[in-house]
Amino acid sequence: MKSFTRGFLFGVVATAGAVIGSVLSFKKQIVDPIEDQENKIEDNRKKALRKSRSAHNG
């Protein structure tokens, strides 16, 4: 019974580690590039707005 409990706990920890690893991998591969692209778009929009306003100052 002792080896069953040890094996069961090891399996739970290993499964939890695999799930956490896959979630972090998904975030790094999918979510972070999308956020970076949104930040670049926002920066370009701000730059264009500043440029537009400065062009009409006379």
Protein backbone atom coordinates (compact mmCIF):
# COMPACT_ATOMS: atom_id res chain seq x y z
CA MET A 1 0.00 0.00 0.00
CA LYS A 2 2.92 2.34 0.71
CA SER A 3 4.32 2.02 -2.83
CA PHE A 4 0.85 2.66 -4.28
CA THR A 5 0.54 5.89 -2.32
CA ARG A 6 4.02 7.01 -3.32
CA GLY A 7 3.32 6.19 -6.97
CA PHE A 8 -0.03 7.91 -6.86
CA LEU A 9 1.46 11.09 -5.39
CA PHE A 10 4.28 11.01 -7.92
CA GLY A 11 1.72 10.67 -10.72
CA VAL A 12 -0.30 13.61 -9.41
CA VAL A 13 2.80 15.80 -9.17
CA ALA A 14 3.98 14.76 -12.63
CA THR A 15 0.58 15.46 -14.16
CA ALA A 16 0.35 18.85 -12.47
CA GLY A 17 3.83 19.69 -13.74
CA ALA A 18 2.89 18.71 -17.28
CA VAL A 19 -0.26 20.86 -17.17
CA ILE A 20 1.62 23.87 -15.81
CA GLY A 21 4.32 23.42 -18.44
CA SER A 22 1.81 23.29 -21.26
CA VAL A 23 -0.03 26.38 -20.00
CA LEU A 24 3.20 28.38 -19.76
CA SER A 25 4.26 27.18 -23.21
CA PHE A 26 0.88 28.23 -24.67
CA LYS A 27 1.22 31.66 -23.08
CA LYS A 28 4.74 32.11 -24.43
CA GLN A 29 3.91 30.90 -27.96
CA ILE A 30 0.44 32.41 -28.46
CA VAL A 31 -0.47 35.12 -25.95
CA ASP A 32 2.81 37.07 -25.65
CA PRO A 33 3.27 37.65 -29.42
CA ILE A 34 -0.32 38.93 -29.67
CA GLU A 35 0.26 41.35 -26.80
CA ASP A 36 3.53 42.52 -28.36
CA GLN A 37 1.78 43.17 -31.67
CA GLU A 38 -0.99 45.11 -29.93
CA ASN A 39 1.62 47.24 -28.13
CA LYS A 40 3.40 47.99 -31.42
CA ILE A 41 0.12 49.02 -33.04
CA GLU A 42 -0.69 51.28 -30.10
CA ASP A 43 2.76 52.92 -30.25
CA ASN A 44 2.44 53.51 -34.00
CA ARG A 45 -1.00 55.06 -33.49
CA LYS A 46 0.39 57.45 -30.86
CA LYS A 47 3.32 58.40 -33.12
CA ALA A 48 1.00 59.05 -36.06
CA LEU A 49 -1.28 61.20 -33.91
CA ARG A 50 1.68 63.28 -32.67
CA LYS A 51 3.00 63.65 -36.21
CA SER A 52 -0.42 64.69 -37.50
CA ARG A 53 -0.85 67.35 -34.84
CA SER A 54 2.65 68.77 -35.30
CA ALA A 55 2.16 69.01 -39.07
CA HIS A 56 -0.84 71.33 -38.64
CA ASN A 57 0.75 73.77 -36.20
CA GLY A 58 1.87 76.09 -38.90
